[in-house]
Amino acid sequence: GKVYRLSSDNVDCYRVADERYKNEFKEEEFDGFSFLWQIKKSQFREDFNSWSIYEKIHGSEQFRGLKCYRIIGQNSFVDILTTEEPIIELIEDQ
């Protein structure tokens, strides 16, 4: 199998959830491949904005640049909010 390292210079917020919760976000739009997806219309990003003071601290200009990425695991997923694109490195290819 293949082993990857994902990293980012800046992560503003993340959540880990069981895969059964993916069906709760039917309005989401996403684009991606294999294990990493960019969520174009993210419920997590909308929720984050509604219950945080992020926009007040960082300003609306930076908030507009906030992107949501989803890492898909075997039984869970991780949503990541960041202004930077993740860096994907292939560590091992067997």
Protein backbone atom coordinates (compact mmCIF):
# COMPACT_ATOMS: atom_id res chain seq x y z
CA GLY A 1 0.00 0.00 0.00
CA LYS A 2 0.87 3.65 -0.05
CA VAL A 3 1.66 5.83 2.93
CA TYR A 4 1.11 9.59 2.70
CA ARG A 5 1.95 12.54 4.93
CA LEU A 6 -0.50 15.41 4.94
CA SER A 7 0.56 18.73 6.41
CA SER A 8 -0.46 22.35 6.38
CA ASP A 9 1.22 25.54 7.58
CA ASN A 10 -2.01 26.73 9.15
CA VAL A 11 -5.01 24.83 10.57
CA ASP A 12 -7.71 27.02 12.12
CA CYS A 13 -10.02 24.25 13.30
CA TYR A 14 -10.70 20.56 12.76
CA ARG A 15 -13.21 17.92 13.78
CA VAL A 16 -13.10 14.13 13.78
CA ALA A 17 -16.39 12.31 13.27
CA ASP A 18 -17.67 8.81 12.72
CA GLU A 19 -18.46 8.02 9.08
CA ARG A 20 -22.18 7.62 9.81
CA TYR A 21 -22.41 11.42 10.21
CA LYS A 22 -21.47 12.01 6.56
CA ASN A 23 -25.13 11.46 5.64
CA GLU A 24 -26.17 14.42 7.81
CA PHE A 25 -24.44 16.83 5.45
CA LYS A 26 -26.46 16.17 2.29
CA GLU A 27 -26.22 19.80 1.14
CA GLU A 28 -22.43 19.71 0.98
CA GLU A 29 -20.64 19.90 -2.36
CA PHE A 30 -17.20 18.38 -2.64
CA ASP A 31 -14.47 17.57 -5.11
CA GLY A 32 -11.52 15.31 -4.56
CA PHE A 33 -9.86 11.97 -4.97
CA SER A 34 -9.16 8.91 -2.90
CA PHE A 35 -8.82 10.05 0.73
CA LEU A 36 -8.72 13.87 0.48
CA TRP A 37 -11.63 16.03 -0.62
CA GLN A 38 -12.16 19.78 -0.76
CA ILE A 39 -15.62 20.64 0.51
CA LYS A 40 -16.94 23.46 -1.70
CA LYS A 41 -20.11 24.03 0.34
CA SER A 42 -19.17 23.09 3.89
CA GLN A 43 -21.64 22.79 6.74
CA PHE A 44 -18.67 22.67 9.13
CA ARG A 45 -17.38 26.03 7.85
CA GLU A 46 -20.84 27.57 8.26
CA ASP A 47 -21.18 26.15 11.77
CA PHE A 48 -17.69 27.34 12.70
CA ASN A 49 -18.53 30.87 11.63
CA SER A 50 -21.81 30.85 13.59
CA TRP A 51 -20.34 29.73 16.93
CA SER A 52 -16.92 31.33 16.84
CA ILE A 53 -15.45 34.80 16.96
CA TYR A 54 -13.08 33.92 14.11
CA GLU A 55 -14.38 36.62 11.80
CA LYS A 56 -14.17 39.29 14.51
CA ILE A 57 -10.56 38.40 15.30
CA HIS A 58 -9.21 37.81 11.81
CA GLY A 59 -11.53 39.94 9.70
CA SER A 60 -13.94 38.90 7.01
CA GLU A 61 -11.30 39.03 4.26
CA GLN A 62 -9.34 36.15 5.77
CA PHE A 63 -12.53 34.25 6.60
CA ARG A 64 -13.55 34.28 2.94
CA GLY A 65 -10.30 32.45 2.22
CA LEU A 66 -11.07 29.71 4.75
CA LYS A 67 -11.38 26.34 2.98
CA CYS A 68 -12.63 23.01 4.22
CA TYR A 69 -10.87 19.75 3.41
CA ARG A 70 -12.06 16.28 4.37
CA ILE A 71 -9.79 13.31 4.99
CA ILE A 72 -11.68 10.05 4.62
CA GLY A 73 -10.65 7.16 6.86
CA GLN A 74 -11.91 3.62 7.15
CA ASN A 75 -14.58 4.38 9.77
CA SER A 76 -14.23 8.11 10.32
CA PHE A 77 -13.44 11.38 8.64
CA VAL A 78 -11.60 14.56 9.59
CA ASP A 79 -12.76 18.00 8.42
CA ILE A 80 -10.04 20.67 8.42
CA LEU A 81 -10.58 24.42 8.13
CA THR A 82 -7.53 26.24 6.82
CA THR A 83 -6.46 29.13 4.62
CA GLU A 84 -3.61 27.03 3.17
CA GLU A 85 -3.82 24.11 0.77
CA PRO A 86 -2.64 20.86 2.36
CA ILE A 87 0.71 19.43 1.29
CA ILE A 88 0.54 15.76 0.30
CA GLU A 89 3.77 13.76 0.31
CA LEU A 90 4.12 10.11 -0.71
CA ILE A 91 6.22 8.52 2.03
CA GLU A 92 6.09 4.87 1.04
CA ASP A 93 4.87 2.98 -2.04
CA GLN A 94 4.82 -0.81 -1.65
